[in-house]
Amino acid sequence: MIERVHLITSLPSGAVTGAQLADWIKGHWKIENLLHHVRDRTFREDDSTIHVGHLPRIMAGLRNLAIGVHRQDGHTNIVAALRHTARDWRRPLAALGITG
């Protein structure tokens, strides 16, 4: 089966190969699936009622931080990692390397 994909780019004709474009597209969707999809589904970011000033960007940064910390700890299921961390107030601090 042959799948035909049409793309629009600002690159001049012949500047890159089809394989390079395919790699860029795969890279984009990898980011989409690892970060944006998690923010949308786990944190329900699209349903947020925060729309004033810099707050949406700040909240996105905090969500990215939470996802990144859990991924750095080796978690692939962010929902399960959030539940585990929420059970004890010391766990988020330990995940950030803060002990007291």
C-alpha atoms as a PDB file:
ATOM      1  CA  MET A   1       0.000   0.000   0.000  1.00  0.00           C
ATOM      2  CA  ILE A   2       1.334   3.447  -0.881  1.00  0.00           C
ATOM      3  CA  GLU A   3       0.439   6.413   1.253  1.00  0.00           C
ATOM      4  CA  ARG A   4       0.727   9.824  -0.334  1.00  0.00           C
ATOM      5  CA  VAL A   5       1.277  12.832   1.907  1.00  0.00           C
ATOM      6  CA  HIS A   6       1.227  16.461   0.817  1.00  0.00           C
ATOM      7  CA  LEU A   7       3.219  18.981   2.808  1.00  0.00           C
ATOM      8  CA  ILE A   8       3.599  22.717   2.710  1.00  0.00           C
ATOM      9  CA  THR A   9       6.978  24.166   3.597  1.00  0.00           C
ATOM     10  CA  SER A  10       8.837  27.415   3.128  1.00  0.00           C
ATOM     11  CA  LEU A  11      11.989  25.573   2.050  1.00  0.00           C
ATOM     12  CA  PRO A  12      13.127  26.050  -1.528  1.00  0.00           C
ATOM     13  CA  SER A  13      12.591  23.121  -3.844  1.00  0.00           C
ATOM     14  CA  GLY A  14      15.339  20.520  -3.487  1.00  0.00           C
ATOM     15  CA  ALA A  15      16.727  21.978  -0.234  1.00  0.00           C
ATOM     16  CA  VAL A  16      16.091  18.730   1.650  1.00  0.00           C
ATOM     17  CA  THR A  17      15.307  15.155   0.744  1.00  0.00           C
ATOM     18  CA  GLY A  18      12.015  13.423   1.302  1.00  0.00           C
ATOM     19  CA  ALA A  19      13.693  11.299   3.970  1.00  0.00           C
ATOM     20  CA  GLN A  20      14.771  14.428   5.858  1.00  0.00           C
ATOM     21  CA  LEU A  21      11.241  15.826   5.734  1.00  0.00           C
ATOM     22  CA  ALA A  22       9.891  12.496   6.964  1.00  0.00           C
ATOM     23  CA  ASP A  23      12.339  12.550   9.894  1.00  0.00           C
ATOM     24  CA  TRP A  24      11.274  16.096  10.821  1.00  0.00           C
ATOM     25  CA  ILE A  25       7.617  15.100  10.734  1.00  0.00           C
ATOM     26  CA  LYS A  26       8.262  12.019  12.883  1.00  0.00           C
ATOM     27  CA  GLY A  27      10.168  14.196  15.341  1.00  0.00           C
ATOM     28  CA  HIS A  28       7.255  16.626  15.534  1.00  0.00           C
ATOM     29  CA  TRP A  29       4.760  13.862  16.258  1.00  0.00           C
ATOM     30  CA  LYS A  30       7.070  12.313  18.839  1.00  0.00           C
ATOM     31  CA  ILE A  31       7.017  15.608  20.747  1.00  0.00           C
ATOM     32  CA  GLU A  32       3.258  15.852  20.232  1.00  0.00           C
ATOM     33  CA  ASN A  33       2.710  12.374  21.641  1.00  0.00           C
ATOM     34  CA  LEU A  34       5.159  12.664  24.540  1.00  0.00           C
ATOM     35  CA  LEU A  35       4.284  16.124  25.756  1.00  0.00           C
ATOM     36  CA  HIS A  36       1.252  17.842  24.281  1.00  0.00           C
ATOM     37  CA  HIS A  37      -0.943  14.736  24.297  1.00  0.00           C
ATOM     38  CA  VAL A  38      -0.089  14.123  27.967  1.00  0.00           C
ATOM     39  CA  ARG A  39      -0.827  17.759  28.837  1.00  0.00           C
ATOM     40  CA  ASP A  40      -4.140  17.581  26.990  1.00  0.00           C
ATOM     41  CA  ARG A  41      -5.305  14.216  28.300  1.00  0.00           C
ATOM     42  CA  THR A  42      -3.769  13.964  31.769  1.00  0.00           C
ATOM     43  CA  PHE A  43      -3.953  17.587  32.864  1.00  0.00           C
ATOM     44  CA  ARG A  44      -7.003  18.424  30.682  1.00  0.00           C
ATOM     45  CA  GLU A  45      -5.194  21.536  29.511  1.00  0.00           C
ATOM     46  CA  ASP A  46      -7.701  22.255  26.746  1.00  0.00           C
ATOM     47  CA  ASP A  47     -10.460  22.537  29.375  1.00  0.00           C
ATOM     48  CA  SER A  48      -8.520  25.047  31.486  1.00  0.00           C
ATOM     49  CA  THR A  49     -10.335  28.249  32.406  1.00  0.00           C
ATOM     50  CA  ILE A  50      -7.062  30.116  32.943  1.00  0.00           C
ATOM     51  CA  HIS A  51      -6.866  32.679  30.130  1.00  0.00           C
ATOM     52  CA  VAL A  52      -5.477  35.858  31.718  1.00  0.00           C
ATOM     53  CA  GLY A  53      -2.057  37.367  31.044  1.00  0.00           C
ATOM     54  CA  HIS A  54       0.922  35.076  31.419  1.00  0.00           C
ATOM     55  CA  LEU A  55      -0.918  32.475  33.521  1.00  0.00           C
ATOM     56  CA  PRO A  56      -1.590  30.006  30.669  1.00  0.00           C
ATOM     57  CA  ARG A  57       2.129  29.947  29.794  1.00  0.00           C
ATOM     58  CA  ILE A  58       3.095  29.571  33.460  1.00  0.00           C
ATOM     59  CA  MET A  59       0.686  26.667  33.919  1.00  0.00           C
ATOM     60  CA  ALA A  60       1.993  24.988  30.752  1.00  0.00           C
ATOM     61  CA  GLY A  61       5.519  25.345  32.149  1.00  0.00           C
ATOM     62  CA  LEU A  62       4.501  23.766  35.455  1.00  0.00           C
ATOM     63  CA  ARG A  63       2.822  20.906  33.633  1.00  0.00           C
ATOM     64  CA  ASN A  64       5.942  20.422  31.509  1.00  0.00           C
ATOM     65  CA  LEU A  65       8.033  20.402  34.687  1.00  0.00           C
ATOM     66  CA  ALA A  66       5.859  17.707  36.264  1.00  0.00           C
ATOM     67  CA  ILE A  67       5.979  15.565  33.127  1.00  0.00           C
ATOM     68  CA  GLY A  68       9.737  16.053  32.742  1.00  0.00           C
ATOM     69  CA  VAL A  69      10.507  15.182  36.368  1.00  0.00           C
ATOM     70  CA  HIS A  70       8.486  11.981  36.158  1.00  0.00           C
ATOM     71  CA  ARG A  71      10.028  11.005  32.825  1.00  0.00           C
ATOM     72  CA  GLN A  72      13.496  11.681  34.249  1.00  0.00           C
ATOM     73  CA  ASP A  73      12.639   9.296  37.098  1.00  0.00           C
ATOM     74  CA  GLY A  74      11.890   6.641  34.471  1.00  0.00           C
ATOM     75  CA  HIS A  75       8.097   6.775  34.534  1.00  0.00           C
ATOM     76  CA  THR A  76       6.325   6.186  31.242  1.00  0.00           C
ATOM     77  CA  ASN A  77       2.801   6.355  32.667  1.00  0.00           C
ATOM     78  CA  ILE A  78       2.453   9.931  33.876  1.00  0.00           C
ATOM     79  CA  VAL A  79      -1.008   9.370  35.368  1.00  0.00           C
ATOM     80  CA  ALA A  80       0.296   6.554  37.564  1.00  0.00           C
ATOM     81  CA  ALA A  81       3.351   8.635  38.515  1.00  0.00           C
ATOM     82  CA  LEU A  82       1.147  11.586  39.513  1.00  0.00           C
ATOM     83  CA  ARG A  83      -1.081   9.349  41.642  1.00  0.00           C
ATOM     84  CA  HIS A  84       1.941   7.769  43.328  1.00  0.00           C
ATOM     85  CA  THR A  85       3.527  11.155  44.027  1.00  0.00           C
ATOM     86  CA  ALA A  86       0.274  12.627  45.357  1.00  0.00           C
ATOM     87  CA  ARG A  87      -0.010   9.998  48.099  1.00  0.00           C
ATOM     88  CA  ASP A  88       2.782  11.528  50.178  1.00  0.00           C
ATOM     89  CA  TRP A  89       3.710  15.224  50.288  1.00  0.00           C
ATOM     90  CA  ARG A  90       7.435  14.330  50.491  1.00  0.00           C
ATOM     91  CA  ARG A  91       7.481  12.473  47.158  1.00  0.00           C
ATOM     92  CA  PRO A  92       7.257  15.540  44.878  1.00  0.00           C
ATOM     93  CA  LEU A  93      10.093  17.146  46.818  1.00  0.00           C
ATOM     94  CA  ALA A  94      12.213  14.006  46.560  1.00  0.00           C
ATOM     95  CA  ALA A  95      11.535  13.801  42.825  1.00  0.00           C
ATOM     96  CA  LEU A  96      12.899  17.346  42.518  1.00  0.00           C
ATOM     97  CA  GLY A  97      15.929  16.461  44.640  1.00  0.00           C
ATOM     98  CA  ILE A  98      14.722  18.539  47.581  1.00  0.00           C
ATOM     99  CA  THR A  99      14.972  16.838  50.959  1.00  0.00           C
ATOM    100  CA  GLY A 100      14.500  18.281  54.350  1.00  0.00           C
END
